[in-house]
Amino acid sequence: MRICELKQKEIINTCTCKSLGCATDVEFDCCCSRLTALVVPGPCRFCSFFGHESEYVIPWECIRQIGEDIILVEIQEDKCLRKQ
């Protein structure tokens, strides 16, 4: 699977049944030659006018299943939320 295909899939948190959106970036470990995390924009600041002030960094180990249209993850959102 290519990264561009991965970035088109909607990410769903199975703990809250909430859609997190689509991945905008990935983290890659050059030493091991593998993906380590998906990066998804966090919640908007104010009515979607001013963009995102944080992002979810979802470790690869938290991905439970990759389907044709969605990626199921199991995360605690407050622990994966990172300020930009």
PDB file of N, CA and C in Angstrom:
ATOM      1  N   MET A   1       0.839  -1.175   0.000  1.00  0.00           N
ATOM      2  CA  MET A   1       0.000   0.000   0.000  1.00  0.00           C
ATOM      3  C   MET A   1       0.886   1.240   0.000  1.00  0.00           C
ATOM      4  N   ARG A   2       0.514   2.216  -0.769  1.00  0.00           N
ATOM      5  CA  ARG A   2       1.258   3.461  -0.832  1.00  0.00           C
ATOM      6  C   ARG A   2       0.745   4.439   0.223  1.00  0.00           C
ATOM      7  N   ILE A   3       1.601   5.368   0.600  1.00  0.00           N
ATOM      8  CA  ILE A   3       1.225   6.354   1.616  1.00  0.00           C
ATOM      9  C   ILE A   3       0.060   7.210   1.126  1.00  0.00           C
ATOM     10  N   CYS A   4       0.035   7.559  -0.154  1.00  0.00           N
ATOM     11  CA  CYS A   4      -1.072   8.373  -0.671  1.00  0.00           C
ATOM     12  C   CYS A   4      -2.401   7.627  -0.547  1.00  0.00           C
ATOM     13  N   GLU A   5      -2.406   6.312  -0.664  1.00  0.00           N
ATOM     14  CA  GLU A   5      -3.623   5.521  -0.463  1.00  0.00           C
ATOM     15  C   GLU A   5      -4.009   5.497   1.017  1.00  0.00           C
ATOM     16  N   LEU A   6      -3.024   5.422   1.878  1.00  0.00           N
ATOM     17  CA  LEU A   6      -3.251   5.408   3.322  1.00  0.00           C
ATOM     18  C   LEU A   6      -3.865   6.724   3.785  1.00  0.00           C
ATOM     19  N   LYS A   7      -3.423   7.821   3.186  1.00  0.00           N
ATOM     20  CA  LYS A   7      -3.894   9.150   3.584  1.00  0.00           C
ATOM     21  C   LYS A   7      -5.319   9.446   3.125  1.00  0.00           C
ATOM     22  N   GLN A   8      -5.888   8.630   2.256  1.00  0.00           N
ATOM     23  CA  GLN A   8      -7.252   8.841   1.778  1.00  0.00           C
ATOM     24  C   GLN A   8      -8.295   8.124   2.629  1.00  0.00           C
ATOM     25  N   LYS A   9      -7.862   7.323   3.565  1.00  0.00           N
ATOM     26  CA  LYS A   9      -8.790   6.552   4.388  1.00  0.00           C
ATOM     27  C   LYS A   9      -9.174   7.324   5.648  1.00  0.00           C
ATOM     28  N   GLU A  10     -10.447   7.221   6.025  1.00  0.00           N
ATOM     29  CA  GLU A  10     -10.942   7.872   7.239  1.00  0.00           C
ATOM     30  C   GLU A  10     -10.504   7.053   8.451  1.00  0.00           C
ATOM     31  N   ILE A  11     -10.090   7.745   9.508  1.00  0.00           N
ATOM     32  CA  ILE A  11      -9.609   7.072  10.715  1.00  0.00           C
ATOM     33  C   ILE A  11     -10.698   7.145  11.779  1.00  0.00           C
ATOM     34  N   ILE A  12     -11.062   5.982  12.320  1.00  0.00           N
ATOM     35  CA  ILE A  12     -12.110   5.868  13.333  1.00  0.00           C
ATOM     36  C   ILE A  12     -11.494   5.325  14.615  1.00  0.00           C
ATOM     37  N   ASN A  13     -11.769   6.012  15.744  1.00  0.00           N
ATOM     38  CA  ASN A  13     -11.330   5.537  17.054  1.00  0.00           C
ATOM     39  C   ASN A  13     -12.378   4.563  17.569  1.00  0.00           C
ATOM     40  N   THR A  14     -12.006   3.302  17.764  1.00  0.00           N
ATOM     41  CA  THR A  14     -12.969   2.295  18.209  1.00  0.00           C
ATOM     42  C   THR A  14     -13.370   2.463  19.674  1.00  0.00           C
ATOM     43  N   CYS A  15     -12.586   3.178  20.454  1.00  0.00           N
ATOM     44  CA  CYS A  15     -12.926   3.398  21.867  1.00  0.00           C
ATOM     45  C   CYS A  15     -14.108   4.354  22.017  1.00  0.00           C
ATOM     46  N   THR A  16     -14.163   5.361  21.142  1.00  0.00           N
ATOM     47  CA  THR A  16     -15.226   6.375  21.236  1.00  0.00           C
ATOM     48  C   THR A  16     -16.169   6.344  20.046  1.00  0.00           C
ATOM     49  N   CYS A  17     -15.894   5.511  19.053  1.00  0.00           N
ATOM     50  CA  CYS A  17     -16.661   5.442  17.801  1.00  0.00           C
ATOM     51  C   CYS A  17     -16.702   6.804  17.106  1.00  0.00           C
ATOM     52  N   LYS A  18     -15.639   7.563  17.246  1.00  0.00           N
ATOM     53  CA  LYS A  18     -15.553   8.915  16.700  1.00  0.00           C
ATOM     54  C   LYS A  18     -14.615   8.931  15.496  1.00  0.00           C
ATOM     55  N   SER A  19     -15.006   9.682  14.475  1.00  0.00           N
ATOM     56  CA  SER A  19     -14.145   9.860  13.314  1.00  0.00           C
ATOM     57  C   SER A  19     -13.101  10.928  13.637  1.00  0.00           C
ATOM     58  N   LEU A  20     -11.844  10.626  13.389  1.00  0.00           N
ATOM     59  CA  LEU A  20     -10.768  11.581  13.631  1.00  0.00           C
ATOM     60  C   LEU A  20     -10.387  12.329  12.357  1.00  0.00           C
ATOM     61  N   GLY A  21     -10.897  11.882  11.218  1.00  0.00           N
ATOM     62  CA  GLY A  21     -10.550  12.490   9.938  1.00  0.00           C
ATOM     63  C   GLY A  21      -9.581  11.607   9.177  1.00  0.00           C
ATOM     64  N   CYS A  22      -8.888  12.195   8.239  1.00  0.00           N
ATOM     65  CA  CYS A  22      -7.921  11.467   7.420  1.00  0.00           C
ATOM     66  C   CYS A  22      -6.507  11.881   7.800  1.00  0.00           C
ATOM     67  N   ALA A  23      -5.587  10.967   7.646  1.00  0.00           N
ATOM     68  CA  ALA A  23      -4.181  11.252   7.953  1.00  0.00           C
ATOM     69  C   ALA A  23      -3.647  12.299   6.979  1.00  0.00           C
ATOM     70  N   THR A  24      -2.887  13.233   7.505  1.00  0.00           N
ATOM     71  CA  THR A  24      -2.270  14.252   6.660  1.00  0.00           C
ATOM     72  C   THR A  24      -0.774  14.002   6.501  1.00  0.00           C
ATOM     73  N   ASP A  25      -0.220  13.178   7.384  1.00  0.00           N
ATOM     74  CA  ASP A  25       1.207  12.917   7.352  1.00  0.00           C
ATOM     75  C   ASP A  25       1.485  11.592   8.041  1.00  0.00           C
ATOM     76  N   VAL A  26       2.695  11.110   7.898  1.00  0.00           N
ATOM     77  CA  VAL A  26       3.133   9.896   8.581  1.00  0.00           C
ATOM     78  C   VAL A  26       4.492  10.163   9.208  1.00  0.00           C
ATOM     79  N   GLU A  27       4.809   9.397  10.239  1.00  0.00           N
ATOM     80  CA  GLU A  27       6.159   9.428  10.813  1.00  0.00           C
ATOM     81  C   GLU A  27       6.850   8.146  10.385  1.00  0.00           C
ATOM     82  N   PHE A  28       8.099   8.304   9.975  1.00  0.00           N
ATOM     83  CA  PHE A  28       8.852   7.196   9.398  1.00  0.00           C
ATOM     84  C   PHE A  28      10.185   7.065  10.113  1.00  0.00           C
ATOM     85  N   ASP A  29      10.548   5.840  10.488  1.00  0.00           N
ATOM     86  CA  ASP A  29      11.835   5.564  11.122  1.00  0.00           C
ATOM     87  C   ASP A  29      12.805   5.104  10.040  1.00  0.00           C
ATOM     88  N   CYS A  30      13.763   5.941   9.713  1.00  0.00           N
ATOM     89  CA  CYS A  30      14.729   5.631   8.644  1.00  0.00           C
ATOM     90  C   CYS A  30      15.639   4.460   9.003  1.00  0.00           C
ATOM     91  N   CYS A  31      15.952   4.316  10.284  1.00  0.00           N
ATOM     92  CA  CYS A  31      16.844   3.229  10.700  1.00  0.00           C
ATOM     93  C   CYS A  31      16.211   1.859  10.482  1.00  0.00           C
ATOM     94  N   CYS A  32      14.924   1.741  10.811  1.00  0.00           N
ATOM     95  CA  CYS A  32      14.220   0.463  10.681  1.00  0.00           C
ATOM     96  C   CYS A  32      13.455   0.343   9.366  1.00  0.00           C
ATOM     97  N   SER A  33      13.373   1.436   8.618  1.00  0.00           N
ATOM     98  CA  SER A  33      12.634   1.469   7.351  1.00  0.00           C
ATOM     99  C   SER A  33      11.177   1.056   7.523  1.00  0.00           C
ATOM    100  N   ARG A  34      10.495   1.703   8.484  1.00  0.00           N
ATOM    101  CA  ARG A  34       9.084   1.393   8.700  1.00  0.00           C
ATOM    102  C   ARG A  34       8.330   2.617   9.207  1.00  0.00           C
ATOM    103  N   LEU A  35       7.003   2.599   8.993  1.00  0.00           N
ATOM    104  CA  LEU A  35       6.152   3.666   9.513  1.00  0.00           C
ATOM    105  C   LEU A  35       6.001   3.482  11.009  1.00  0.00           C
ATOM    106  N   THR A  36       6.066   4.580  11.753  1.00  0.00           N
ATOM    107  CA  THR A  36       5.908   4.488  13.202  1.00  0.00           C
ATOM    108  C   THR A  36       4.607   5.116  13.693  1.00  0.00           C
ATOM    109  N   ALA A  37       4.032   6.056  12.908  1.00  0.00           N
ATOM    110  CA  ALA A  37       2.806   6.718  13.361  1.00  0.00           C
ATOM    111  C   ALA A  37       2.097   7.398  12.201  1.00  0.00           C
ATOM    112  N   LEU A  38       0.786   7.584  12.384  1.00  0.00           N
ATOM    113  CA  LEU A  38      -0.019   8.403  11.487  1.00  0.00           C
ATOM    114  C   LEU A  38      -0.276   9.729  12.172  1.00  0.00           C
ATOM    115  N   VAL A  39      -0.288  10.812  11.418  1.00  0.00           N
ATOM    116  CA  VAL A  39      -0.554  12.135  11.973  1.00  0.00           C
ATOM    117  C   VAL A  39      -1.875  12.631  11.381  1.00  0.00           C
ATOM    118  N   VAL A  40      -2.801  13.015  12.281  1.00  0.00           N
ATOM    119  CA  VAL A  40      -4.138  13.464  11.899  1.00  0.00           C
ATOM    120  C   VAL A  40      -4.372  14.833  12.536  1.00  0.00           C
ATOM    121  N   PRO A  41      -4.925  15.794  11.792  1.00  0.00           N
ATOM    122  CA  PRO A  41      -5.223  17.102  12.402  1.00  0.00           C
ATOM    123  C   PRO A  41      -6.165  16.945  13.590  1.00  0.00           C
ATOM    124  N   GLY A  42      -5.904  17.705  14.641  1.00  0.00           N
ATOM    125  CA  GLY A  42      -6.734  17.663  15.836  1.00  0.00           C
ATOM    126  C   GLY A  42      -7.972  18.520  15.687  1.00  0.00           C
ATOM    127  N   PRO A  43      -8.688  18.718  16.782  1.00  0.00           N
ATOM    128  CA  PRO A  43      -9.898  19.536  16.744  1.00  0.00           C
ATOM    129  C   PRO A  43      -9.594  20.978  16.336  1.00  0.00           C
ATOM    130  N   CYS A  44     -10.554  21.612  15.675  1.00  0.00           N
ATOM    131  CA  CYS A  44     -10.384  23.012  15.259  1.00  0.00           C
ATOM    132  C   CYS A  44     -10.448  23.935  16.462  1.00  0.00           C
ATOM    133  N   ARG A  45      -9.802  25.087  16.328  1.00  0.00           N
ATOM    134  CA  ARG A  45      -9.772  26.062  17.419  1.00  0.00           C
ATOM    135  C   ARG A  45     -11.106  26.773  17.603  1.00  0.00           C
ATOM    136  N   PHE A  46     -11.617  27.407  16.548  1.00  0.00           N
ATOM    137  CA  PHE A  46     -12.826  28.204  16.685  1.00  0.00           C
ATOM    138  C   PHE A  46     -13.630  28.103  15.400  1.00  0.00           C
ATOM    139  N   CYS A  47     -14.635  27.276  15.410  1.00  0.00           N
ATOM    140  CA  CYS A  47     -15.569  27.145  14.280  1.00  0.00           C
ATOM    141  C   CYS A  47     -14.852  26.933  12.946  1.00  0.00           C
ATOM    142  N   SER A  48     -13.754  26.244  12.941  1.00  0.00           N
ATOM    143  CA  SER A  48     -12.982  25.918  11.736  1.00  0.00           C
ATOM    144  C   SER A  48     -12.375  27.129  11.033  1.00  0.00           C
ATOM    145  N   PHE A  49     -12.416  28.312  11.649  1.00  0.00           N
ATOM    146  CA  PHE A  49     -11.905  29.515  10.986  1.00  0.00           C
ATOM    147  C   PHE A  49     -10.390  29.645  11.096  1.00  0.00           C
ATOM    148  N   PHE A  50      -9.822  29.235  12.187  1.00  0.00           N
ATOM    149  CA  PHE A  50      -8.407  29.494  12.446  1.00  0.00           C
ATOM    150  C   PHE A  50      -7.539  28.248  12.368  1.00  0.00           C
ATOM    151  N   GLY A  51      -8.048  27.187  11.811  1.00  0.00           N
ATOM    152  CA  GLY A  51      -7.239  25.989  11.631  1.00  0.00           C
ATOM    153  C   GLY A  51      -7.108  25.153  12.895  1.00  0.00           C
ATOM    154  N   HIS A  52      -6.090  24.340  12.897  1.00  0.00           N
ATOM    155  CA  HIS A  52      -5.866  23.387  13.989  1.00  0.00           C
ATOM    156  C   HIS A  52      -4.663  23.813  14.812  1.00  0.00           C
ATOM    157  N   GLU A  53      -4.800  23.703  16.120  1.00  0.00           N
ATOM    158  CA  GLU A  53      -3.668  24.030  16.993  1.00  0.00           C
ATOM    159  C   GLU A  53      -2.987  22.784  17.531  1.00  0.00           C
ATOM    160  N   SER A  54      -3.552  21.632  17.224  1.00  0.00           N
ATOM    161  CA  SER A  54      -2.976  20.382  17.702  1.00  0.00           C
ATOM    162  C   SER A  54      -3.200  19.293  16.657  1.00  0.00           C
ATOM    163  N   GLU A  55      -2.574  18.159  16.907  1.00  0.00           N
ATOM    164  CA  GLU A  55      -2.713  17.030  15.996  1.00  0.00           C
ATOM    165  C   GLU A  55      -2.647  15.739  16.793  1.00  0.00           C
ATOM    166  N   TYR A  56      -3.270  14.712  16.254  1.00  0.00           N
ATOM    167  CA  TYR A  56      -3.186  13.381  16.846  1.00  0.00           C
ATOM    168  C   TYR A  56      -2.014  12.652  16.208  1.00  0.00           C
ATOM    169  N   VAL A  57      -1.156  12.092  17.030  1.00  0.00           N
ATOM    170  CA  VAL A  57      -0.070  11.244  16.554  1.00  0.00           C
ATOM    171  C   VAL A  57      -0.422   9.829  17.014  1.00  0.00           C
ATOM    172  N   ILE A  58      -0.825   9.008  16.067  1.00  0.00           N
ATOM    173  CA  ILE A  58      -1.336   7.674  16.370  1.00  0.00           C
ATOM    174  C   ILE A  58      -0.235   6.645  16.114  1.00  0.00           C
ATOM    175  N   PRO A  59       0.284   6.035  17.175  1.00  0.00           N
ATOM    176  CA  PRO A  59       1.344   5.033  16.996  1.00  0.00           C
ATOM    177  C   PRO A  59       0.860   3.861  16.140  1.00  0.00           C
ATOM    178  N   TRP A  60       1.752   3.311  15.361  1.00  0.00           N
ATOM    179  CA  TRP A  60       1.418   2.205  14.469  1.00  0.00           C
ATOM    180  C   TRP A  60       0.840   1.024  15.247  1.00  0.00           C
ATOM    181  N   GLU A  61       1.288   0.822  16.479  1.00  0.00           N
ATOM    182  CA  GLU A  61       0.808  -0.286  17.305  1.00  0.00           C
ATOM    183  C   GLU A  61      -0.664  -0.143  17.672  1.00  0.00           C
ATOM    184  N   CYS A  62      -1.217   1.059  17.585  1.00  0.00           N
ATOM    185  CA  CYS A  62      -2.617   1.297  17.947  1.00  0.00           C
ATOM    186  C   CYS A  62      -3.570   1.073  16.777  1.00  0.00           C
ATOM    187  N   ILE A  63      -3.042   0.805  15.602  1.00  0.00           N
ATOM    188  CA  ILE A  63      -3.892   0.523  14.450  1.00  0.00           C
ATOM    189  C   ILE A  63      -4.369  -0.917  14.563  1.00  0.00           C
ATOM    190  N   ARG A  64      -5.693  -1.084  14.556  1.00  0.00           N
ATOM    191  CA  ARG A  64      -6.274  -2.420  14.708  1.00  0.00           C
ATOM    192  C   ARG A  64      -6.606  -3.072  13.371  1.00  0.00           C
ATOM    193  N   GLN A  65      -7.069  -2.270  12.402  1.00  0.00           N
ATOM    194  CA  GLN A  65      -7.415  -2.845  11.107  1.00  0.00           C
ATOM    195  C   GLN A  65      -7.411  -1.765  10.041  1.00  0.00           C
ATOM    196  N   ILE A  66      -6.930  -2.123   8.867  1.00  0.00           N
ATOM    197  CA  ILE A  66      -6.957  -1.224   7.716  1.00  0.00           C
ATOM    198  C   ILE A  66      -7.866  -1.856   6.678  1.00  0.00           C
ATOM    199  N   GLY A  67      -8.969  -1.152   6.380  1.00  0.00           N
ATOM    200  CA  GLY A  67      -9.910  -1.648   5.388  1.00  0.00           C
ATOM    201  C   GLY A  67      -9.784  -0.882   4.091  1.00  0.00           C
ATOM    202  N   GLU A  68     -10.748  -1.078   3.200  1.00  0.00           N
ATOM    203  CA  GLU A  68     -10.723  -0.394   1.909  1.00  0.00           C
ATOM    204  C   GLU A  68     -10.943   1.108   2.053  1.00  0.00           C
ATOM    205  N   ASP A  69     -11.836   1.507   2.986  1.00  0.00           N
ATOM    206  CA  ASP A  69     -12.198   2.912   3.142  1.00  0.00           C
ATOM    207  C   ASP A  69     -11.802   3.524   4.477  1.00  0.00           C
ATOM    208  N   ILE A  70     -11.610   2.688   5.494  1.00  0.00           N
ATOM    209  CA  ILE A  70     -11.353   3.225   6.835  1.00  0.00           C
ATOM    210  C   ILE A  70     -10.178   2.514   7.499  1.00  0.00           C
ATOM    211  N   ILE A  71      -9.659   3.188   8.522  1.00  0.00           N
ATOM    212  CA  ILE A  71      -8.623   2.628   9.385  1.00  0.00           C
ATOM    213  C   ILE A  71      -9.180   2.659  10.800  1.00  0.00           C
ATOM    214  N   LEU A  72      -9.229   1.520  11.451  1.00  0.00           N
ATOM    215  CA  LEU A  72      -9.709   1.445  12.829  1.00  0.00           C
ATOM    216  C   LEU A  72      -8.517   1.516  13.773  1.00  0.00           C
ATOM    217  N   VAL A  73      -8.587   2.449  14.727  1.00  0.00           N
ATOM    218  CA  VAL A  73      -7.530   2.605  15.718  1.00  0.00           C
ATOM    219  C   VAL A  73      -8.127   2.524  17.109  1.00  0.00           C
ATOM    220  N   GLU A  74      -7.305   2.174  18.067  1.00  0.00           N
ATOM    221  CA  GLU A  74      -7.728   2.102  19.464  1.00  0.00           C
ATOM    222  C   GLU A  74      -6.783   2.978  20.271  1.00  0.00           C
ATOM    223  N   ILE A  75      -7.231   4.210  20.559  1.00  0.00           N
ATOM    224  CA  ILE A  75      -6.376   5.173  21.260  1.00  0.00           C
ATOM    225  C   ILE A  75      -7.154   5.898  22.345  1.00  0.00           C
ATOM    226  N   GLN A  76      -6.419   6.427  23.297  1.00  0.00           N
ATOM    227  CA  GLN A  76      -6.961   7.407  24.234  1.00  0.00           C
ATOM    228  C   GLN A  76      -6.577   8.757  23.646  1.00  0.00           C
ATOM    229  N   GLU A  77      -7.578   9.493  23.168  1.00  0.00           N
ATOM    230  CA  GLU A  77      -7.320  10.702  22.392  1.00  0.00           C
ATOM    231  C   GLU A  77      -6.488  11.738  23.144  1.00  0.00           C
ATOM    232  N   ASP A  78      -6.692  11.865  24.445  1.00  0.00           N
ATOM    233  CA  ASP A  78      -5.933  12.867  25.206  1.00  0.00           C
ATOM    234  C   ASP A  78      -4.442  12.523  25.269  1.00  0.00           C
ATOM    235  N   LYS A  79      -4.091  11.234  25.201  1.00  0.00           N
ATOM    236  CA  LYS A  79      -2.675  10.850  25.241  1.00  0.00           C
ATOM    237  C   LYS A  79      -1.992  10.989  23.886  1.00  0.00           C
ATOM    238  N   CYS A  80      -2.769  10.937  22.810  1.00  0.00           N
ATOM    239  CA  CYS A  80      -2.195  11.033  21.454  1.00  0.00           C
ATOM    240  C   CYS A  80      -2.243  12.442  20.899  1.00  0.00           C
ATOM    241  N   LEU A  81      -2.872  13.367  21.602  1.00  0.00           N
ATOM    242  CA  LEU A  81      -2.981  14.747  21.141  1.00  0.00           C
ATOM    243  C   LEU A  81      -1.693  15.501  21.426  1.00  0.00           C
ATOM    244  N   ARG A  82      -1.126  16.126  20.402  1.00  0.00           N
ATOM    245  CA  ARG A  82       0.136  16.868  20.528  1.00  0.00           C
ATOM    246  C   ARG A  82      -0.063  18.284  20.031  1.00  0.00           C
ATOM    247  N   LYS A  83       0.368  19.252  20.819  1.00  0.00           N
ATOM    248  CA  LYS A  83       0.290  20.666  20.423  1.00  0.00           C
ATOM    249  C   LYS A  83       1.305  20.943  19.342  1.00  0.00           C
ATOM    250  N   GLN A  84       0.938  21.827  18.412  1.00  0.00           N
ATOM    251  CA  GLN A  84       1.862  22.184  17.324  1.00  0.00           C
ATOM    252  C   GLN A  84       2.701  23.369  17.712  1.00  0.00           C
TER     253      GLN A  84
END
